[in-house]
Protein backbone atom coordinates (compact mmCIF):
# COMPACT_ATOMS: atom_id res chain seq x y z
CA MET A 1 -0.04 -0.11 -0.07
CA ILE A 2 1.45 3.08 -0.86
CA ARG A 3 0.87 5.97 1.28
CA MET A 4 0.54 9.56 0.04
CA GLN A 5 2.26 12.62 1.86
CA ALA A 6 0.68 15.53 2.83
CA ARG A 7 2.22 18.30 0.46
CA PRO A 8 1.47 22.18 1.21
CA TRP A 9 -0.46 23.81 -0.94
CA PRO A 10 1.33 26.16 -2.94
CA LEU A 11 0.72 29.98 -2.55
CA GLN A 12 0.41 32.26 -5.51
CA PRO A 13 3.02 35.18 -5.72
CA GLU A 14 0.20 37.67 -5.27
CA LEU A 15 -1.22 35.87 -2.16
CA ARG A 16 1.97 35.78 -0.60
CA LEU A 17 2.51 39.42 -1.24
CA ALA A 18 -0.96 40.21 0.40
CA LEU A 19 0.17 38.30 3.63
CA ALA A 20 3.55 39.74 3.99
CA GLY A 21 1.53 43.45 3.99
CA VAL A 22 -0.67 42.45 6.35
CA LEU A 23 2.01 40.88 8.39
CA LEU A 24 3.78 44.40 7.91
CA VAL A 25 0.66 46.51 9.05
CA ALA A 26 0.13 44.54 12.43
CA LEU A 27 3.76 45.10 13.27
CA ILE A 28 3.59 48.75 12.99
CA ALA A 29 0.57 49.03 14.67
CA ARG A 30 1.84 47.38 17.54
CA PRO A 31 1.39 49.55 20.59
CA ASN A 32 3.99 51.11 22.20
CA ASN A 33 3.39 53.22 25.38
CA GLU A 34 6.69 54.97 25.30
CA THR A 35 6.41 56.30 21.78
CA LEU A 36 6.66 60.31 21.98
CA GLY A 37 4.79 61.82 18.85
CA PRO A 38 2.49 64.19 17.95
CA GLN A 39 -1.28 63.42 19.65
CA PRO A 40 -4.43 64.88 18.16
CA ALA A 41 -6.68 67.87 19.40
CA VAL A 42 -8.06 67.32 22.94
CA VAL A 43 -12.20 67.39 23.09
CA GLY A 44 -13.03 67.74 26.75
CA GLN A 45 -11.28 65.29 29.04
CA LYS A 46 -11.53 62.56 26.69
CA VAL A 47 -8.49 61.46 24.40
CA ALA A 48 -9.31 59.02 21.68
CA THR A 49 -5.92 57.86 21.26
CA ARG A 50 -3.30 55.34 22.69
CA SER A 51 -1.21 56.37 25.21
CA HIS A 52 2.58 57.97 24.47
CA GLY A 53 4.35 57.81 28.02
CA TYR A 54 3.22 58.12 31.65
CA PHE A 55 4.28 61.40 33.37
CA GLY A 56 3.02 60.64 36.70
CA GLY A 57 -0.14 62.51 38.28
CA ARG A 58 -3.64 61.70 38.05
CA PRO A 59 -6.80 61.74 35.92
CA VAL A 60 -8.08 65.68 35.03
CA ARG A 61 -10.86 66.54 37.46
CA GLU A 62 -13.22 69.85 36.53
CA GLY A 63 -10.94 71.20 33.31
CA GLY A 64 -7.73 71.23 35.19
CA THR A 65 -6.13 73.42 38.01
CA PRO A 66 -6.80 77.09 37.64
CA ILE A 67 -4.01 79.43 37.99
CA GLN A 68 -3.73 81.83 41.06
CA LEU A 69 -1.75 85.14 40.04
CA GLY A 70 -2.69 87.50 43.05
CA PRO A 71 -4.73 90.27 43.34
CA ALA A 72 -5.27 92.32 40.26
CA ALA A 73 -4.84 95.62 42.16
CA ALA A 74 -1.32 94.61 43.12
CA ALA A 75 -0.84 94.94 39.13
CA GLY A 76 0.64 98.02 39.44
CA ILE A 77 4.26 96.80 39.16
CA TRP A 78 3.47 96.01 35.55
CA ALA A 79 2.11 99.31 34.53
CA ARG A 80 5.33 101.33 34.59
CA PHE A 81 6.56 98.93 31.29
CA SER A 82 3.06 99.70 29.83
CA PRO A 83 0.43 102.45 30.83
CA PHE A 84 -1.92 101.05 28.65
CA ALA A 85 -1.66 97.59 30.03
CA ALA A 86 -4.95 96.02 31.35
CA ALA A 87 -4.62 94.77 34.73
CA PRO A 88 -4.49 91.11 35.01
CA PRO A 89 -6.71 88.57 36.78
CA ALA A 90 -6.37 87.28 40.27
CA GLN A 91 -7.19 83.90 38.80
CA ALA A 92 -6.77 82.25 35.17
CA PRO A 93 -8.15 78.77 34.11
CA SER A 94 -6.15 75.89 33.23
CA CYS A 95 -4.43 75.80 29.41
CA LEU A 96 -6.90 73.07 28.63
CA ALA A 97 -9.72 75.70 28.60
CA THR A 98 -7.79 77.96 26.52
CA ALA A 99 -6.84 77.90 22.88
CA PRO A 100 -3.03 78.87 21.66
CA PRO A 101 -2.33 82.22 20.36
CA VAL A 102 -1.79 82.76 16.61
CA ALA A 103 2.08 81.79 15.53
CA ARG A 104 3.82 85.53 15.45
CA GLY A 105 7.15 84.59 14.24
CA VAL A 106 8.85 87.19 16.77
CA ALA A 107 12.75 87.25 16.75
CA ALA A 108 14.42 87.06 20.15
CA THR A 109 15.12 90.31 21.94
CA THR A 110 18.85 91.30 21.75
CA LEU A 111 19.70 93.08 25.31
CA ILE A 112 18.77 90.85 28.29
CA ALA A 113 18.08 94.17 29.88
CA ASP A 114 14.70 94.23 27.80
CA ASP A 115 13.54 90.96 29.39
CA VAL A 116 12.07 89.73 32.84
CA PRO A 117 14.67 88.97 34.99
CA GLY A 118 15.28 84.89 34.70
CA LEU A 119 13.12 85.12 31.46
CA TYR A 120 15.94 86.27 29.18
CA GLY A 121 16.45 83.27 26.77
CA ALA A 122 17.73 81.15 29.55
CA PRO A 123 16.72 77.51 29.33
CA TRP A 124 14.00 76.19 31.95
CA VAL A 125 14.50 72.44 32.90
CA ALA A 126 12.05 70.14 35.07
CA SER A 127 12.15 66.43 36.05
CA VAL A 128 8.64 65.41 35.61
CA HIS A 129 8.45 61.42 36.64
CA GLY A 130 11.61 60.52 35.59
CA TYR A 131 11.27 62.35 31.85
CA LEU A 132 13.34 65.92 31.63
CA VAL A 133 11.52 68.29 30.24
CA ALA A 134 13.73 71.47 28.80
CA ALA A 135 11.93 74.74 27.70
CA LEU A 136 14.75 76.80 25.61
CA HIS A 137 14.93 80.26 24.94
CA VAL A 138 12.39 81.34 27.16
CA THR A 139 11.96 85.03 26.56
CA VAL A 140 9.51 87.14 28.22
CA PRO A 141 9.79 91.19 27.11
CA ARG A 142 9.51 93.70 30.07
CA ASN A 143 6.99 95.79 27.98
CA PRO A 144 3.77 93.56 27.98
CA ALA A 145 2.81 95.13 24.68
CA ARG A 146 5.83 93.21 22.92
CA PRO A 147 4.83 89.05 22.50
CA PRO A 148 6.70 86.70 24.16
CA VAL A 149 9.22 84.36 22.05
CA GLU A 150 8.14 80.97 21.18
CA PRO A 151 10.27 78.41 22.96
CA VAL A 152 11.61 75.04 22.15
CA LEU A 153 10.46 72.20 24.16
CA GLN A 154 12.14 69.00 24.70
CA ILE A 155 11.60 65.74 26.14
CA TYR A 156 14.11 63.04 27.08
CA ARG A 157 13.72 59.59 28.09
CA ARG A 158 15.55 58.30 31.13
CA GLY A 159 18.83 57.83 30.80
CA THR A 160 19.06 59.27 27.36
CA ALA A 161 21.08 62.69 25.96
CA THR A 162 18.90 62.81 22.88
CA PRO A 163 15.45 64.17 22.94
CA ALA A 164 12.65 62.23 22.03
CA PHE A 165 10.57 65.42 20.90
CA SER A 166 11.92 68.72 20.28
CA GLN A 167 9.49 71.42 18.81
CA ALA A 168 8.81 75.03 18.77
CA VAL A 169 5.70 75.60 20.46
CA PRO A 170 3.17 78.63 20.84
CA VAL A 171 3.30 80.83 24.04
CA SER A 172 1.35 82.92 26.03
CA VAL A 173 2.04 84.98 29.21
CA VAL A 174 -0.35 86.32 31.89
CA ARG A 175 1.35 88.64 34.26
CA GLY A 176 -0.35 88.75 37.85
CA GLY A 177 0.41 90.60 41.04
CA SER A 178 2.30 87.87 42.88
CA ALA A 179 3.05 85.47 40.14
CA LEU A 180 3.60 84.96 36.06
CA LEU A 181 1.96 82.54 34.22
CA TYR A 182 4.16 81.17 31.21
CA ARG A 183 1.50 78.86 29.06
CA MET A 184 3.14 76.75 26.31
CA TRP A 185 1.03 74.39 24.09
CA VAL A 186 2.69 71.46 22.88
CA ASN A 187 0.40 69.27 20.76
CA GLY A 188 3.03 66.18 21.30
CA PRO A 189 3.06 63.85 24.01
CA ILE A 190 2.30 66.58 26.43
CA THR A 191 -0.88 68.68 25.97
CA CYS A 192 -0.12 71.62 27.39
CA ILE A 193 2.02 73.01 30.46
CA ASP A 194 0.85 75.97 33.01
CA LEU A 195 4.28 77.26 34.25
CA VAL A 196 3.40 79.24 37.37
CA ILE A 197 6.51 81.72 38.34
CA PRO A 198 6.33 83.81 41.58
CA ASN A 199 7.33 87.23 40.55
CA GLY A 200 11.38 87.61 40.56
CA ALA A 201 11.82 83.93 41.22
CA GLY A 202 14.00 81.48 39.40
CA ALA A 203 11.85 78.41 39.94
CA GLY A 204 8.28 77.76 39.63
CA THR A 205 5.78 74.94 39.45
CA ALA A 206 3.98 73.52 36.17
CA HIS A 207 0.72 71.82 35.87
CA VAL A 208 1.29 69.31 33.02
CA TYR A 209 -1.06 67.91 31.00
CA TYR A 210 -1.23 64.79 29.00
CA PRO A 211 -3.05 61.76 27.54
CA PHE A 212 -2.90 58.37 29.00
CA ARG A 213 -4.80 55.34 28.27
CA GLY A 214 -7.72 57.38 26.97
CA ARG A 215 -8.10 60.07 29.35
CA MET A 216 -6.27 63.38 30.31
CA PHE A 217 -3.98 63.45 33.23
CA GLU A 218 -2.21 66.17 35.25
CA ALA A 219 1.08 66.00 36.34
CA GLU A 220 3.56 68.79 38.58
CA GLY A 221 6.80 69.44 38.07
CA SER A 222 9.15 71.90 39.45
CA PHE A 223 11.29 73.95 36.52
CA SER A 224 14.03 76.21 37.49
CA VAL A 225 16.07 78.32 35.14
CA GLN A 226 19.23 77.16 34.20
CA ARG A 227 21.71 80.25 34.43
C-alpha cells in the first residue's frame, strides 16, 4: 500500500505578497506606550488615542487646575512698563480651557535688560516622573505690549542624551500681582503646560497635561532656570 504524504498547498505570488503586507501593517500598529510623538487635539477630558508615555499625576478633574496670579490691584508693578496694559486677572483657567495664540514669528530680543529677570532666553528645566522636560529660549519682554518669544520644548527619556521630542511651541504670558503664568501649547506627547513663576523667582511650579490610556492626566513638575 502506497501512503501519500501531504504536501503544502503552493501559494500564488500575489497571495504571498498580500500576506506579507498584512503582517507588516500588524507590526507597525502594535502598541508602544513609550513612543513620544504628536497627539490629536483634545476634546473635553477624553482623548481618543493610545498613550505616549506616563508622566505621573492623576486624571484631570473639572477642567484642570486654575492658576492663582495674585490680586489684580497689585498688578501696578507692570504698569510702569506699559501704561496701557490692562490689569491682569487674579485667577486664570487651565490651559485646557484656552486656545493657543496665532504664531507670530517674533525674533528673540537682543538685550537682557529688555526682558523680565530670569526670562531672558535661558533654558528652564524640570524632571517630571523620570522624564527630563526642557524649555529653551524662554524669553518674556518687560514691556507687556511685546509678545513673548516662542520657546523650543524638548523631552528626554530616562538616561538618554538625545531628545525624543523637540519642537517650537506657541506660548502666552499672563502677568499677575504675585506671579507670572508662562503657558505652552505642545500638541505632542504633552498637550500643554502651565508654568507658574512667582514674580522675581528663578523657579516655578508647572501643571503638565497629557493623554494617557484614553484620558487626560495632570502632573506637576518644578521648573528652574539654568543660568
